[in-house]
């Protein structure tokens, strides 16, 4: 189970434009992941800058790194991603069914008050 400090660390790692873009790219890439070079090319980032950002995401546990030959392959850690989403939505909607209609109705009630 994710702790508050784990969630803060994950969210802090994602609170930077290049890290968020790299993470989203890796989530989209799926299980095969992407090499550091492919990530750098797609995000138009120098390798040294990308390495710095990827290490933040690795330390936060949001991505995993694996050597394949001479390349470093990075993959999203879907278990960590799901844990963070579960943590953030744990008490969503006060136990009521979470649907867009419920969320809209809650906002409408708050606006009317």
PDB file of N, CA and C in Angstrom:
ATOM      1  N   UNK A   1       0.849  -1.185   0.000  1.00  0.00           N
ATOM      2  CA  UNK A   1       0.000   0.000   0.000  1.00  0.00           C
ATOM      3  C   UNK A   1       0.890   1.243   0.000  1.00  0.00           C
ATOM      4  N   UNK A   2       0.539   2.193  -0.808  1.00  0.00           N
ATOM      5  CA  UNK A   2       1.292   3.428  -0.960  1.00  0.00           C
ATOM      6  C   UNK A   2       1.086   4.325   0.261  1.00  0.00           C
ATOM      7  N   UNK A   3       2.169   4.916   0.739  1.00  0.00           N
ATOM      8  CA  UNK A   3       2.072   5.852   1.854  1.00  0.00           C
ATOM      9  C   UNK A   3       1.986   7.277   1.313  1.00  0.00           C
ATOM     10  N   UNK A   4       1.636   8.195   2.171  1.00  0.00           N
ATOM     11  CA  UNK A   4       1.582   9.607   1.772  1.00  0.00           C
ATOM     12  C   UNK A   4       2.942  10.081   1.279  1.00  0.00           C
ATOM     13  N   UNK A   5       4.012   9.686   1.959  1.00  0.00           N
ATOM     14  CA  UNK A   5       5.343  10.142   1.538  1.00  0.00           C
ATOM     15  C   UNK A   5       5.732   9.541   0.188  1.00  0.00           C
ATOM     16  N   UNK A   6       5.315   8.295  -0.093  1.00  0.00           N
ATOM     17  CA  UNK A   6       5.558   7.692  -1.412  1.00  0.00           C
ATOM     18  C   UNK A   6       4.808   8.471  -2.493  1.00  0.00           C
ATOM     19  N   UNK A   7       3.562   8.833  -2.207  1.00  0.00           N
ATOM     20  CA  UNK A   7       2.760   9.582  -3.172  1.00  0.00           C
ATOM     21  C   UNK A   7       3.383  10.952  -3.439  1.00  0.00           C
ATOM     22  N   UNK A   8       3.852  11.605  -2.392  1.00  0.00           N
ATOM     23  CA  UNK A   8       4.500  12.906  -2.565  1.00  0.00           C
ATOM     24  C   UNK A   8       5.748  12.772  -3.428  1.00  0.00           C
ATOM     25  N   UNK A   9       6.537  11.735  -3.202  1.00  0.00           N
ATOM     26  CA  UNK A   9       7.741  11.515  -3.999  1.00  0.00           C
ATOM     27  C   UNK A   9       7.391  11.272  -5.470  1.00  0.00           C
ATOM     28  N   UNK A  10       6.377  10.472  -5.720  1.00  0.00           N
ATOM     29  CA  UNK A  10       5.958  10.200  -7.098  1.00  0.00           C
ATOM     30  C   UNK A  10       5.439  11.462  -7.774  1.00  0.00           C
ATOM     31  N   UNK A  11       4.596  12.189  -7.078  1.00  0.00           N
ATOM     32  CA  UNK A  11       4.039  13.407  -7.662  1.00  0.00           C
ATOM     33  C   UNK A  11       5.120  14.463  -7.879  1.00  0.00           C
ATOM     34  N   UNK A  12       6.083  14.553  -6.970  1.00  0.00           N
ATOM     35  CA  UNK A  12       7.186  15.496  -7.139  1.00  0.00           C
ATOM     36  C   UNK A  12       8.018  15.137  -8.366  1.00  0.00           C
ATOM     37  N   UNK A  13       8.227  13.849  -8.598  1.00  0.00           N
ATOM     38  CA  UNK A  13       8.988  13.420  -9.771  1.00  0.00           C
ATOM     39  C   UNK A  13       8.255  13.790 -11.059  1.00  0.00           C
ATOM     40  N   UNK A  14       6.944  13.763 -11.031  1.00  0.00           N
ATOM     41  CA  UNK A  14       6.150  14.079 -12.213  1.00  0.00           C
ATOM     42  C   UNK A  14       5.905  15.581 -12.382  1.00  0.00           C
ATOM     43  N   UNK A  15       6.264  16.355 -11.384  1.00  0.00           N
ATOM     44  CA  UNK A  15       5.983  17.796 -11.391  1.00  0.00           C
ATOM     45  C   UNK A  15       7.046  18.592 -12.136  1.00  0.00           C
ATOM     46  N   UNK A  16       7.453  18.085 -13.265  1.00  0.00           N
ATOM     47  CA  UNK A  16       8.433  18.766 -14.116  1.00  0.00           C
ATOM     48  C   UNK A  16       8.083  18.389 -15.552  1.00  0.00           C
ATOM     49  N   UNK A  17       8.070  19.356 -16.432  1.00  0.00           N
ATOM     50  CA  UNK A  17       7.566  19.162 -17.790  1.00  0.00           C
ATOM     51  C   UNK A  17       8.228  18.008 -18.542  1.00  0.00           C
ATOM     52  N   UNK A  18       9.560  17.920 -18.526  1.00  0.00           N
ATOM     53  CA  UNK A  18      10.245  16.877 -19.288  1.00  0.00           C
ATOM     54  C   UNK A  18      10.042  15.498 -18.666  1.00  0.00           C
ATOM     55  N   UNK A  19      10.037  15.429 -17.336  1.00  0.00           N
ATOM     56  CA  UNK A  19       9.802  14.137 -16.689  1.00  0.00           C
ATOM     57  C   UNK A  19       8.378  13.654 -16.945  1.00  0.00           C
ATOM     58  N   UNK A  20       7.419  14.559 -16.870  1.00  0.00           N
ATOM     59  CA  UNK A  20       6.034  14.178 -17.146  1.00  0.00           C
ATOM     60  C   UNK A  20       5.888  13.703 -18.587  1.00  0.00           C
ATOM     61  N   UNK A  21       6.519  14.392 -19.521  1.00  0.00           N
ATOM     62  CA  UNK A  21       6.451  13.987 -20.933  1.00  0.00           C
ATOM     63  C   UNK A  21       7.097  12.621 -21.142  1.00  0.00           C
ATOM     64  N   UNK A  22       8.251  12.384 -20.512  1.00  0.00           N
ATOM     65  CA  UNK A  22       8.934  11.094 -20.639  1.00  0.00           C
ATOM     66  C   UNK A  22       8.075   9.983 -20.041  1.00  0.00           C
ATOM     67  N   UNK A  23       7.487  10.238 -18.890  1.00  0.00           N
ATOM     68  CA  UNK A  23       6.649   9.238 -18.245  1.00  0.00           C
ATOM     69  C   UNK A  23       5.439   8.892 -19.111  1.00  0.00           C
ATOM     70  N   UNK A  24       4.771   9.905 -19.630  1.00  0.00           N
ATOM     71  CA  UNK A  24       3.603   9.668 -20.478  1.00  0.00           C
ATOM     72  C   UNK A  24       3.989   8.893 -21.737  1.00  0.00           C
ATOM     73  N   UNK A  25       5.147   9.207 -22.285  1.00  0.00           N
ATOM     74  CA  UNK A  25       5.641   8.496 -23.459  1.00  0.00           C
ATOM     75  C   UNK A  25       5.873   7.018 -23.145  1.00  0.00           C
ATOM     76  N   UNK A  26       6.446   6.749 -21.968  1.00  0.00           N
ATOM     77  CA  UNK A  26       6.708   5.362 -21.578  1.00  0.00           C
ATOM     78  C   UNK A  26       5.418   4.609 -21.262  1.00  0.00           C
ATOM     79  N   UNK A  27       4.453   5.284 -20.675  1.00  0.00           N
ATOM     80  CA  UNK A  27       3.153   4.645 -20.433  1.00  0.00           C
ATOM     81  C   UNK A  27       2.528   4.256 -21.765  1.00  0.00           C
ATOM     82  N   UNK A  28       2.627   5.142 -22.742  1.00  0.00           N
ATOM     83  CA  UNK A  28       2.077   4.874 -24.065  1.00  0.00           C
ATOM     84  C   UNK A  28       2.837   3.758 -24.780  1.00  0.00           C
ATOM     85  N   UNK A  29       4.146   3.665 -24.562  1.00  0.00           N
ATOM     86  CA  UNK A  29       4.977   2.661 -25.244  1.00  0.00           C
ATOM     87  C   UNK A  29       4.642   1.246 -24.803  1.00  0.00           C
ATOM     88  N   UNK A  30       4.122   1.088 -23.603  1.00  0.00           N
ATOM     89  CA  UNK A  30       3.744  -0.234 -23.126  1.00  0.00           C
ATOM     90  C   UNK A  30       4.930  -1.062 -22.657  1.00  0.00           C
ATOM     91  N   UNK A  31       4.713  -2.358 -22.575  1.00  0.00           N
ATOM     92  CA  UNK A  31       5.697  -3.291 -22.021  1.00  0.00           C
ATOM     93  C   UNK A  31       7.049  -3.289 -22.745  1.00  0.00           C
ATOM     94  N   UNK A  32       7.103  -3.128 -24.053  1.00  0.00           N
ATOM     95  CA  UNK A  32       8.425  -3.126 -24.704  1.00  0.00           C
ATOM     96  C   UNK A  32       9.320  -1.975 -24.233  1.00  0.00           C
ATOM     97  N   UNK A  33       8.718  -0.882 -23.800  1.00  0.00           N
ATOM     98  CA  UNK A  33       9.497   0.266 -23.362  1.00  0.00           C
ATOM     99  C   UNK A  33      10.194   0.949 -24.522  1.00  0.00           C
ATOM    100  N   UNK A  34      11.095   1.849 -24.174  1.00  0.00           N
ATOM    101  CA  UNK A  34      11.853   2.598 -25.172  1.00  0.00           C
ATOM    102  C   UNK A  34      13.285   2.759 -24.705  1.00  0.00           C
ATOM    103  N   UNK A  35      14.183   2.834 -25.664  1.00  0.00           N
ATOM    104  CA  UNK A  35      15.582   3.110 -25.322  1.00  0.00           C
ATOM    105  C   UNK A  35      15.717   4.579 -24.957  1.00  0.00           C
ATOM    106  N   UNK A  36      16.771   4.884 -24.232  1.00  0.00           N
ATOM    107  CA  UNK A  36      17.030   6.275 -23.859  1.00  0.00           C
ATOM    108  C   UNK A  36      17.165   7.140 -25.106  1.00  0.00           C
ATOM    109  N   UNK A  37      17.815   6.602 -26.134  1.00  0.00           N
ATOM    110  CA  UNK A  37      17.980   7.352 -27.375  1.00  0.00           C
ATOM    111  C   UNK A  37      16.655   7.672 -28.047  1.00  0.00           C
ATOM    112  N   UNK A  38      15.744   6.713 -28.051  1.00  0.00           N
ATOM    113  CA  UNK A  38      14.424   6.931 -28.651  1.00  0.00           C
ATOM    114  C   UNK A  38      13.632   7.969 -27.873  1.00  0.00           C
ATOM    115  N   UNK A  39      13.739   7.920 -26.554  1.00  0.00           N
ATOM    116  CA  UNK A  39      13.040   8.905 -25.719  1.00  0.00           C
ATOM    117  C   UNK A  39      13.607  10.293 -25.998  1.00  0.00           C
ATOM    118  N   UNK A  40      14.933  10.402 -26.011  1.00  0.00           N
ATOM    119  CA  UNK A  40      15.587  11.692 -26.257  1.00  0.00           C
ATOM    120  C   UNK A  40      15.171  12.263 -27.612  1.00  0.00           C
ATOM    121  N   UNK A  41      15.116  11.400 -28.615  1.00  0.00           N
ATOM    122  CA  UNK A  41      14.742  11.843 -29.958  1.00  0.00           C
ATOM    123  C   UNK A  41      13.303  12.326 -30.003  1.00  0.00           C
ATOM    124  N   UNK A  42      12.402  11.556 -29.416  1.00  0.00           N
ATOM    125  CA  UNK A  42      10.978  11.927 -29.457  1.00  0.00           C
ATOM    126  C   UNK A  42      10.679  13.186 -28.654  1.00  0.00           C
ATOM    127  N   UNK A  43      11.444  13.396 -27.571  1.00  0.00           N
ATOM    128  CA  UNK A  43      11.205  14.578 -26.740  1.00  0.00           C
ATOM    129  C   UNK A  43      12.120  15.737 -27.102  1.00  0.00           C
ATOM    130  N   UNK A  44      13.013  15.497 -28.060  1.00  0.00           N
ATOM    131  CA  UNK A  44      13.972  16.513 -28.494  1.00  0.00           C
ATOM    132  C   UNK A  44      14.762  17.069 -27.302  1.00  0.00           C
ATOM    133  N   UNK A  45      15.342  16.148 -26.537  1.00  0.00           N
ATOM    134  CA  UNK A  45      16.143  16.508 -25.368  1.00  0.00           C
ATOM    135  C   UNK A  45      17.556  15.977 -25.531  1.00  0.00           C
ATOM    136  N   UNK A  46      18.558  16.722 -25.050  1.00  0.00           N
ATOM    137  CA  UNK A  46      19.921  16.179 -25.047  1.00  0.00           C
ATOM    138  C   UNK A  46      19.999  14.971 -24.115  1.00  0.00           C
ATOM    139  N   UNK A  47      20.831  14.010 -24.459  1.00  0.00           N
ATOM    140  CA  UNK A  47      20.946  12.770 -23.679  1.00  0.00           C
ATOM    141  C   UNK A  47      21.289  13.044 -22.219  1.00  0.00           C
ATOM    142  N   UNK A  48      22.166  14.010 -21.955  1.00  0.00           N
ATOM    143  CA  UNK A  48      22.553  14.284 -20.567  1.00  0.00           C
ATOM    144  C   UNK A  48      21.376  14.808 -19.749  1.00  0.00           C
ATOM    145  N   UNK A  49      20.562  15.659 -20.330  1.00  0.00           N
ATOM    146  CA  UNK A  49      19.376  16.169 -19.623  1.00  0.00           C
ATOM    147  C   UNK A  49      18.372  15.050 -19.400  1.00  0.00           C
ATOM    148  N   UNK A  50      18.162  14.242 -20.435  1.00  0.00           N
ATOM    149  CA  UNK A  50      17.207  13.150 -20.314  1.00  0.00           C
ATOM    150  C   UNK A  50      17.629  12.179 -19.223  1.00  0.00           C
ATOM    151  N   UNK A  51      18.897  11.851 -19.169  1.00  0.00           N
ATOM    152  CA  UNK A  51      19.407  10.919 -18.159  1.00  0.00           C
ATOM    153  C   UNK A  51      19.073  11.421 -16.751  1.00  0.00           C
ATOM    154  N   UNK A  52      19.267  12.699 -16.518  1.00  0.00           N
ATOM    155  CA  UNK A  52      18.950  13.317 -15.233  1.00  0.00           C
ATOM    156  C   UNK A  52      17.464  13.124 -14.898  1.00  0.00           C
ATOM    157  N   UNK A  53      16.600  13.389 -15.864  1.00  0.00           N
ATOM    158  CA  UNK A  53      15.157  13.280 -15.634  1.00  0.00           C
ATOM    159  C   UNK A  53      14.718  11.831 -15.450  1.00  0.00           C
ATOM    160  N   UNK A  54      15.272  10.928 -16.238  1.00  0.00           N
ATOM    161  CA  UNK A  54      14.902   9.519 -16.101  1.00  0.00           C
ATOM    162  C   UNK A  54      15.306   8.964 -14.743  1.00  0.00           C
ATOM    163  N   UNK A  55      16.449   9.388 -14.234  1.00  0.00           N
ATOM    164  CA  UNK A  55      16.886   8.893 -12.924  1.00  0.00           C
ATOM    165  C   UNK A  55      15.938   9.351 -11.813  1.00  0.00           C
ATOM    166  N   UNK A  56      15.368  10.540 -11.937  1.00  0.00           N
ATOM    167  CA  UNK A  56      14.353  10.982 -10.964  1.00  0.00           C
ATOM    168  C   UNK A  56      13.159  10.029 -10.971  1.00  0.00           C
ATOM    169  N   UNK A  57      12.729   9.660 -12.172  1.00  0.00           N
ATOM    170  CA  UNK A  57      11.580   8.758 -12.286  1.00  0.00           C
ATOM    171  C   UNK A  57      11.901   7.357 -11.792  1.00  0.00           C
ATOM    172  N   UNK A  58      13.134   6.901 -12.024  1.00  0.00           N
ATOM    173  CA  UNK A  58      13.566   5.591 -11.519  1.00  0.00           C
ATOM    174  C   UNK A  58      13.578   5.615  -9.995  1.00  0.00           C
ATOM    175  N   UNK A  59      14.172   6.652  -9.401  1.00  0.00           N
ATOM    176  CA  UNK A  59      14.233   6.749  -7.928  1.00  0.00           C
ATOM    177  C   UNK A  59      12.848   6.790  -7.298  1.00  0.00           C
ATOM    178  N   UNK A  60      11.907   7.416  -7.979  1.00  0.00           N
ATOM    179  CA  UNK A  60      10.533   7.481  -7.473  1.00  0.00           C
ATOM    180  C   UNK A  60       9.789   6.163  -7.686  1.00  0.00           C
ATOM    181  N   UNK A  61      10.381   5.237  -8.446  1.00  0.00           N
ATOM    182  CA  UNK A  61       9.754   3.943  -8.689  1.00  0.00           C
ATOM    183  C   UNK A  61       8.707   3.957  -9.786  1.00  0.00           C
ATOM    184  N   UNK A  62       8.612   5.058 -10.521  1.00  0.00           N
ATOM    185  CA  UNK A  62       7.596   5.163 -11.560  1.00  0.00           C
ATOM    186  C   UNK A  62       7.997   4.483 -12.858  1.00  0.00           C
ATOM    187  N   UNK A  63       9.306   4.353 -13.086  1.00  0.00           N
ATOM    188  CA  UNK A  63       9.783   3.646 -14.268  1.00  0.00           C
ATOM    189  C   UNK A  63      10.876   2.672 -13.857  1.00  0.00           C
ATOM    190  N   UNK A  64      11.117   1.711 -14.732  1.00  0.00           N
ATOM    191  CA  UNK A  64      12.164   0.719 -14.507  1.00  0.00           C
ATOM    192  C   UNK A  64      13.165   0.796 -15.648  1.00  0.00           C
ATOM    193  N   UNK A  65      14.380   0.441 -15.336  1.00  0.00           N
ATOM    194  CA  UNK A  65      15.481   0.519 -16.289  1.00  0.00           C
ATOM    195  C   UNK A  65      16.088  -0.869 -16.446  1.00  0.00           C
ATOM    196  N   UNK A  66      16.404  -1.242 -17.697  1.00  0.00           N
ATOM    197  CA  UNK A  66      17.012  -2.546 -17.951  1.00  0.00           C
ATOM    198  C   UNK A  66      18.020  -2.401 -19.089  1.00  0.00           C
ATOM    199  N   UNK A  67      19.174  -2.983 -18.888  1.00  0.00           N
ATOM    200  CA  UNK A  67      20.191  -2.964 -19.943  1.00  0.00           C
ATOM    201  C   UNK A  67      19.885  -4.067 -20.943  1.00  0.00           C
ATOM    202  N   UNK A  68      19.871  -3.712 -22.214  1.00  0.00           N
ATOM    203  CA  UNK A  68      19.738  -4.682 -23.309  1.00  0.00           C
ATOM    204  C   UNK A  68      20.887  -4.408 -24.273  1.00  0.00           C
ATOM    205  N   UNK A  69      21.902  -5.241 -24.180  1.00  0.00           N
ATOM    206  CA  UNK A  69      23.094  -5.008 -25.001  1.00  0.00           C
ATOM    207  C   UNK A  69      23.759  -3.716 -24.568  1.00  0.00           C
ATOM    208  N   UNK A  70      23.886  -2.783 -25.497  1.00  0.00           N
ATOM    209  CA  UNK A  70      24.511  -1.505 -25.180  1.00  0.00           C
ATOM    210  C   UNK A  70      23.492  -0.418 -24.860  1.00  0.00           C
ATOM    211  N   UNK A  71      22.228  -0.762 -24.884  1.00  0.00           N
ATOM    212  CA  UNK A  71      21.166   0.224 -24.659  1.00  0.00           C
ATOM    213  C   UNK A  71      20.553   0.079 -23.277  1.00  0.00           C
ATOM    214  N   UNK A  72      20.049   1.191 -22.778  1.00  0.00           N
ATOM    215  CA  UNK A  72      19.222   1.188 -21.570  1.00  0.00           C
ATOM    216  C   UNK A  72      17.780   1.289 -22.043  1.00  0.00           C
ATOM    217  N   UNK A  73      16.961   0.335 -21.617  1.00  0.00           N
ATOM    218  CA  UNK A  73      15.544   0.346 -21.962  1.00  0.00           C
ATOM    219  C   UNK A  73      14.772   0.775 -20.727  1.00  0.00           C
ATOM    220  N   UNK A  74      13.849   1.683 -20.930  1.00  0.00           N
ATOM    221  CA  UNK A  74      13.022   2.198 -19.837  1.00  0.00           C
ATOM    222  C   UNK A  74      11.579   1.807 -20.082  1.00  0.00           C
ATOM    223  N   UNK A  75      10.904   1.416 -18.991  1.00  0.00           N
ATOM    224  CA  UNK A  75       9.493   1.021 -19.043  1.00  0.00           C
ATOM    225  C   UNK A  75       8.750   1.678 -17.886  1.00  0.00           C
ATOM    226  N   UNK A  76       7.501   1.980 -18.130  1.00  0.00           N
ATOM    227  CA  UNK A  76       6.650   2.467 -17.046  1.00  0.00           C
ATOM    228  C   UNK A  76       6.419   1.326 -16.063  1.00  0.00           C
ATOM    229  N   UNK A  77       6.404   1.644 -14.791  1.00  0.00           N
ATOM    230  CA  UNK A  77       6.075   0.675 -13.750  1.00  0.00           C
ATOM    231  C   UNK A  77       4.569   0.793 -13.510  1.00  0.00           C
ATOM    232  N   UNK A  78       3.808  -0.065 -14.164  1.00  0.00           N
ATOM    233  CA  UNK A  78       2.355   0.028 -14.104  1.00  0.00           C
ATOM    234  C   UNK A  78       1.795  -0.276 -12.715  1.00  0.00           C
ATOM    235  N   UNK A  79       2.482  -1.101 -11.954  1.00  0.00           N
ATOM    236  CA  UNK A  79       2.042  -1.376 -10.580  1.00  0.00           C
ATOM    237  C   UNK A  79       2.136  -0.095  -9.756  1.00  0.00           C
ATOM    238  N   UNK A  80       3.239   0.639  -9.906  1.00  0.00           N
ATOM    239  CA  UNK A  80       3.402   1.906  -9.181  1.00  0.00           C
ATOM    240  C   UNK A  80       2.377   2.933  -9.655  1.00  0.00           C
ATOM    241  N   UNK A  81       2.130   2.970 -10.962  1.00  0.00           N
ATOM    242  CA  UNK A  81       1.161   3.914 -11.503  1.00  0.00           C
ATOM    243  C   UNK A  81      -0.234   3.632 -10.942  1.00  0.00           C
ATOM    244  N   UNK A  82      -0.612   2.366 -10.943  1.00  0.00           N
ATOM    245  CA  UNK A  82      -1.919   1.990 -10.413  1.00  0.00           C
ATOM    246  C   UNK A  82      -2.006   2.288  -8.919  1.00  0.00           C
ATOM    247  N   UNK A  83      -0.914   2.037  -8.196  1.00  0.00           N
ATOM    248  CA  UNK A  83      -0.892   2.341  -6.766  1.00  0.00           C
ATOM    249  C   UNK A  83      -1.092   3.817  -6.497  1.00  0.00           C
ATOM    250  N   UNK A  84      -0.465   4.670  -7.307  1.00  0.00           N
ATOM    251  CA  UNK A  84      -0.616   6.114  -7.127  1.00  0.00           C
ATOM    252  C   UNK A  84      -2.040   6.541  -7.436  1.00  0.00           C
ATOM    253  N   UNK A  85      -2.588   6.029  -8.522  1.00  0.00           N
ATOM    254  CA  UNK A  85      -3.978   6.370  -8.873  1.00  0.00           C
ATOM    255  C   UNK A  85      -4.926   5.888  -7.788  1.00  0.00           C
ATOM    256  N   UNK A  86      -4.723   4.670  -7.288  1.00  0.00           N
ATOM    257  CA  UNK A  86      -5.566   4.142  -6.215  1.00  0.00           C
ATOM    258  C   UNK A  86      -5.463   5.007  -4.964  1.00  0.00           C
ATOM    259  N   UNK A  87      -4.250   5.439  -4.635  1.00  0.00           N
ATOM    260  CA  UNK A  87      -4.043   6.296  -3.463  1.00  0.00           C
ATOM    261  C   UNK A  87      -4.806   7.608  -3.628  1.00  0.00           C
ATOM    262  N   UNK A  88      -4.699   8.211  -4.804  1.00  0.00           N
ATOM    263  CA  UNK A  88      -5.341   9.500  -5.043  1.00  0.00           C
ATOM    264  C   UNK A  88      -6.861   9.416  -5.058  1.00  0.00           C
ATOM    265  N   UNK A  89      -7.394   8.274  -5.426  1.00  0.00           N
ATOM    266  CA  UNK A  89      -8.858   8.135  -5.539  1.00  0.00           C
ATOM    267  C   UNK A  89      -9.464   7.258  -4.451  1.00  0.00           C
ATOM    268  N   UNK A  90      -8.683   6.938  -3.448  1.00  0.00           N
ATOM    269  CA  UNK A  90      -9.115   6.004  -2.407  1.00  0.00           C
ATOM    270  C   UNK A  90     -10.458   6.367  -1.790  1.00  0.00           C
ATOM    271  N   UNK A  91     -10.679   7.611  -1.496  1.00  0.00           N
ATOM    272  CA  UNK A  91     -11.923   8.023  -0.847  1.00  0.00           C
ATOM    273  C   UNK A  91     -12.778   8.874  -1.779  1.00  0.00           C
ATOM    274  N   UNK A  92     -12.646   8.623  -3.050  1.00  0.00           N
ATOM    275  CA  UNK A  92     -13.353   9.407  -4.059  1.00  0.00           C
ATOM    276  C   UNK A  92     -14.864   9.313  -3.877  1.00  0.00           C
ATOM    277  N   UNK A  93     -15.508  10.428  -4.027  1.00  0.00           N
ATOM    278  CA  UNK A  93     -16.972  10.515  -4.037  1.00  0.00           C
ATOM    279  C   UNK A  93     -17.619  10.021  -2.741  1.00  0.00           C
ATOM    280  N   UNK A  94     -16.876  10.020  -1.656  1.00  0.00           N
ATOM    281  CA  UNK A  94     -17.433   9.641  -0.364  1.00  0.00           C
ATOM    282  C   UNK A  94     -18.039   8.258  -0.343  1.00  0.00           C
ATOM    283  N   UNK A  95     -17.500   7.349  -1.141  1.00  0.00           N
ATOM    284  CA  UNK A  95     -18.003   5.982  -1.168  1.00  0.00           C
ATOM    285  C   UNK A  95     -19.089   5.754  -2.195  1.00  0.00           C
ATOM    286  N   UNK A  96     -19.592   6.825  -2.807  1.00  0.00           N
ATOM    287  CA  UNK A  96     -20.611   6.670  -3.857  1.00  0.00           C
ATOM    288  C   UNK A  96     -19.929   6.229  -5.145  1.00  0.00           C
ATOM    289  N   UNK A  97     -20.711   5.732  -6.056  1.00  0.00           N
ATOM    290  CA  UNK A  97     -20.182   5.330  -7.350  1.00  0.00           C
ATOM    291  C   UNK A  97     -19.542   6.530  -8.041  1.00  0.00           C
ATOM    292  N   UNK A  98     -18.324   6.352  -8.520  1.00  0.00           N
ATOM    293  CA  UNK A  98     -17.604   7.436  -9.200  1.00  0.00           C
ATOM    294  C   UNK A  98     -17.908   7.408 -10.679  1.00  0.00           C
ATOM    295  N   UNK A  99     -18.695   8.340 -11.101  1.00  0.00           N
ATOM    296  CA  UNK A  99     -18.979   8.489 -12.525  1.00  0.00           C
ATOM    297  C   UNK A  99     -18.905   9.971 -12.849  1.00  0.00           C
ATOM    298  N   UNK A 100     -18.753  10.330 -14.103  1.00  0.00           N
ATOM    299  CA  UNK A 100     -18.742  11.756 -14.455  1.00  0.00           C
ATOM    300  C   UNK A 100     -19.993  12.479 -13.981  1.00  0.00           C
ATOM    301  N   UNK A 101     -21.142  11.802 -13.989  1.00  0.00           N
ATOM    302  CA  UNK A 101     -22.383  12.418 -13.541  1.00  0.00           C
ATOM    303  C   UNK A 101     -22.306  12.773 -12.064  1.00  0.00           C
ATOM    304  N   UNK A 102     -21.766  11.856 -11.248  1.00  0.00           N
ATOM    305  CA  UNK A 102     -21.624  12.112  -9.815  1.00  0.00           C
ATOM    306  C   UNK A 102     -20.686  13.285  -9.602  1.00  0.00           C
ATOM    307  N   UNK A 103     -19.563  13.288 -10.295  1.00  0.00           N
ATOM    308  CA  UNK A 103     -18.600  14.373 -10.134  1.00  0.00           C
ATOM    309  C   UNK A 103     -19.212  15.705 -10.543  1.00  0.00           C
ATOM    310  N   UNK A 104     -19.953  15.729 -11.643  1.00  0.00           N
ATOM    311  CA  UNK A 104     -20.591  16.968 -12.099  1.00  0.00           C
ATOM    312  C   UNK A 104     -21.651  17.426 -11.111  1.00  0.00           C
ATOM    313  N   UNK A 105     -22.421  16.502 -10.570  1.00  0.00           N
ATOM    314  CA  UNK A 105     -23.464  16.854  -9.606  1.00  0.00           C
ATOM    315  C   UNK A 105     -22.834  17.428  -8.343  1.00  0.00           C
ATOM    316  N   UNK A 106     -21.707  16.882  -7.910  1.00  0.00           N
ATOM    317  CA  UNK A 106     -21.031  17.390  -6.714  1.00  0.00           C
ATOM    318  C   UNK A 106     -20.559  18.809  -6.951  1.00  0.00           C
ATOM    319  N   UNK A 107     -19.958  19.078  -8.097  1.00  0.00           N
ATOM    320  CA  UNK A 107     -19.499  20.423  -8.414  1.00  0.00           C
ATOM    321  C   UNK A 107     -20.665  21.382  -8.498  1.00  0.00           C
ATOM    322  N   UNK A 108     -21.767  20.957  -9.091  1.00  0.00           N
ATOM    323  CA  UNK A 108     -22.944  21.815  -9.208  1.00  0.00           C
ATOM    324  C   UNK A 108     -23.485  22.178  -7.840  1.00  0.00           C
ATOM    325  N   UNK A 109     -23.535  21.216  -6.912  1.00  0.00           N
ATOM    326  CA  UNK A 109     -24.006  21.498  -5.560  1.00  0.00           C
ATOM    327  C   UNK A 109     -23.088  22.486  -4.864  1.00  0.00           C
ATOM    328  N   UNK A 110     -21.771  22.304  -5.021  1.00  0.00           N
ATOM    329  CA  UNK A 110     -20.802  23.197  -4.379  1.00  0.00           C
ATOM    330  C   UNK A 110     -20.904  24.603  -4.953  1.00  0.00           C
ATOM    331  N   UNK A 111     -21.147  24.718  -6.258  1.00  0.00           N
ATOM    332  CA  UNK A 111     -21.275  26.029  -6.897  1.00  0.00           C
ATOM    333  C   UNK A 111     -22.542  26.746  -6.425  1.00  0.00           C
ATOM    334  N   UNK A 112     -23.596  25.973  -6.176  1.00  0.00           N
ATOM    335  CA  UNK A 112     -24.868  26.561  -5.761  1.00  0.00           C
ATOM    336  C   UNK A 112     -24.821  27.053  -4.306  1.00  0.00           C
ATOM    337  N   UNK A 113     -23.927  26.484  -3.519  1.00  0.00           N
ATOM    338  CA  UNK A 113     -23.865  26.829  -2.090  1.00  0.00           C
ATOM    339  C   UNK A 113     -23.258  28.173  -1.832  1.00  0.00           C
TER     340      UNK A 113
END
